Amino acid sequence: MLAGKQFKLERATLAIDNIGGRRRAVTISCGTVLKVASGPNNGDGMVKVHWEDRIVEMFEVDLNVRGTEITDQSATP
């Protein structure tokens, strides 16, 4: 389970945001620190992450391949 772990993105990565009741693709910039809120839960490979004071969804594989886990928990987003 990834919940509570933090990752720093090494490459820009797509995520899904809910904007005005519609799901939209958004790009999260390289260097962004994300904290996993939950997931993956239902077998779709998606995790929910905290980004810019909201929660968006992204593929777990993108987080693992394009990000580096931050083990020093004092480095909060």
C-alpha atoms as a PDB file:
ATOM      1  CA  MET A   1       0.000   0.000   0.000  1.00  0.00           C
ATOM      2  CA  LEU A   2       1.339   3.399  -0.984  1.00  0.00           C
ATOM      3  CA  ALA A   3      -0.900   5.545   1.240  1.00  0.00           C
ATOM      4  CA  GLY A   4       1.107   8.126   3.156  1.00  0.00           C
ATOM      5  CA  LYS A   5       4.244   7.801   1.029  1.00  0.00           C
ATOM      6  CA  GLN A   6       5.731  10.805  -0.741  1.00  0.00           C
ATOM      7  CA  PHE A   7       7.272  10.959  -4.190  1.00  0.00           C
ATOM      8  CA  LYS A   8       9.202  13.635  -6.075  1.00  0.00           C
ATOM      9  CA  LEU A   9       8.495  13.564  -9.809  1.00  0.00           C
ATOM     10  CA  GLU A  10      11.585  13.297 -12.011  1.00  0.00           C
ATOM     11  CA  ARG A  11       9.527  13.864 -15.181  1.00  0.00           C
ATOM     12  CA  ALA A  12       6.261  15.656 -15.904  1.00  0.00           C
ATOM     13  CA  THR A  13       3.351  13.255 -15.496  1.00  0.00           C
ATOM     14  CA  LEU A  14      -0.331  13.201 -16.390  1.00  0.00           C
ATOM     15  CA  ALA A  15      -3.024  12.966 -13.736  1.00  0.00           C
ATOM     16  CA  ILE A  16      -6.820  13.128 -13.718  1.00  0.00           C
ATOM     17  CA  ASP A  17      -8.538  16.012 -11.928  1.00  0.00           C
ATOM     18  CA  ASN A  18     -12.239  16.553 -11.329  1.00  0.00           C
ATOM     19  CA  ILE A  19     -12.915  20.090 -12.562  1.00  0.00           C
ATOM     20  CA  GLY A  20     -16.500  21.310 -12.481  1.00  0.00           C
ATOM     21  CA  GLY A  21     -17.811  17.760 -12.203  1.00  0.00           C
ATOM     22  CA  ARG A  22     -15.836  16.588 -15.258  1.00  0.00           C
ATOM     23  CA  ARG A  23     -12.685  14.504 -15.296  1.00  0.00           C
ATOM     24  CA  ARG A  24      -9.820  16.336 -17.013  1.00  0.00           C
ATOM     25  CA  ALA A  25      -6.217  15.412 -17.739  1.00  0.00           C
ATOM     26  CA  VAL A  26      -3.705  17.720 -16.063  1.00  0.00           C
ATOM     27  CA  THR A  27       0.088  17.745 -16.218  1.00  0.00           C
ATOM     28  CA  ILE A  28       2.032  17.689 -12.973  1.00  0.00           C
ATOM     29  CA  SER A  29       5.452  19.324 -13.376  1.00  0.00           C
ATOM     30  CA  CYS A  30       8.839  17.742 -12.874  1.00  0.00           C
ATOM     31  CA  GLY A  31      10.120  18.389  -9.343  1.00  0.00           C
ATOM     32  CA  THR A  32       6.674  18.336  -7.738  1.00  0.00           C
ATOM     33  CA  VAL A  33       6.385  16.476  -4.436  1.00  0.00           C
ATOM     34  CA  LEU A  34       3.217  14.383  -4.112  1.00  0.00           C
ATOM     35  CA  LYS A  35       1.779  12.567  -1.110  1.00  0.00           C
ATOM     36  CA  VAL A  36      -0.308   9.462  -1.755  1.00  0.00           C
ATOM     37  CA  ALA A  37      -3.764   9.763  -0.166  1.00  0.00           C
ATOM     38  CA  SER A  38      -5.000   6.256  -1.046  1.00  0.00           C
ATOM     39  CA  GLY A  39      -4.786   3.364  -3.425  1.00  0.00           C
ATOM     40  CA  PRO A  40      -4.533   1.449  -5.471  1.00  0.00           C
ATOM     41  CA  ASN A  41      -7.817  -0.004  -4.239  1.00  0.00           C
ATOM     42  CA  ASN A  42      -9.994  -1.497  -6.941  1.00  0.00           C
ATOM     43  CA  GLY A  43      -7.567  -3.107  -9.360  1.00  0.00           C
ATOM     44  CA  ASP A  44      -7.471  -0.219 -11.860  1.00  0.00           C
ATOM     45  CA  GLY A  45      -3.944   0.772 -10.823  1.00  0.00           C
ATOM     46  CA  MET A  46      -4.958   4.320  -9.870  1.00  0.00           C
ATOM     47  CA  VAL A  47      -3.813   6.135  -6.741  1.00  0.00           C
ATOM     48  CA  LYS A  48      -5.098   9.389  -5.287  1.00  0.00           C
ATOM     49  CA  VAL A  49      -2.426  11.970  -4.517  1.00  0.00           C
ATOM     50  CA  HIS A  50      -2.338  15.390  -2.868  1.00  0.00           C
ATOM     51  CA  TRP A  51      -1.365  18.068  -5.426  1.00  0.00           C
ATOM     52  CA  GLU A  52      -1.778  21.850  -5.115  1.00  0.00           C
ATOM     53  CA  ASP A  53      -4.293  21.658  -2.239  1.00  0.00           C
ATOM     54  CA  ARG A  54      -6.500  19.110  -4.006  1.00  0.00           C
ATOM     55  CA  ILE A  55      -6.584  15.398  -4.685  1.00  0.00           C
ATOM     56  CA  VAL A  56      -6.032  14.039  -8.184  1.00  0.00           C
ATOM     57  CA  GLU A  57      -5.688  10.502  -9.544  1.00  0.00           C
ATOM     58  CA  MET A  58      -2.766   8.999 -11.393  1.00  0.00           C
ATOM     59  CA  PHE A  59      -1.520   5.579 -12.351  1.00  0.00           C
ATOM     60  CA  GLU A  60       0.583   3.851  -9.706  1.00  0.00           C
ATOM     61  CA  VAL A  61       3.064   2.786 -12.393  1.00  0.00           C
ATOM     62  CA  ASP A  62       3.589   6.432 -13.445  1.00  0.00           C
ATOM     63  CA  LEU A  63       4.314   7.390  -9.861  1.00  0.00           C
ATOM     64  CA  ASN A  64       6.823   4.543  -9.468  1.00  0.00           C
ATOM     65  CA  VAL A  65       8.532   5.005 -12.854  1.00  0.00           C
ATOM     66  CA  ARG A  66       8.577   8.805 -13.026  1.00  0.00           C
ATOM     67  CA  GLY A  67       8.993   9.551  -9.351  1.00  0.00           C
ATOM     68  CA  THR A  68      11.456   8.884  -6.565  1.00  0.00           C
ATOM     69  CA  GLU A  69      10.155   7.960  -3.144  1.00  0.00           C
ATOM     70  CA  ILE A  70      11.081  10.429  -0.429  1.00  0.00           C
ATOM     71  CA  THR A  71      12.041   8.486   2.655  1.00  0.00           C
ATOM     72  CA  ASP A  72      12.769  11.604   4.747  1.00  0.00           C
ATOM     73  CA  GLN A  73       9.233  12.408   5.934  1.00  0.00           C
ATOM     74  CA  SER A  74      10.290  15.899   7.046  1.00  0.00           C
ATOM     75  CA  ALA A  75      10.244  16.929   3.349  1.00  0.00           C
ATOM     76  CA  THR A  76       6.518  17.623   3.102  1.00  0.00           C
ATOM     77  CA  PRO A  77       4.806  18.966  -0.036  1.00  0.00           C
END
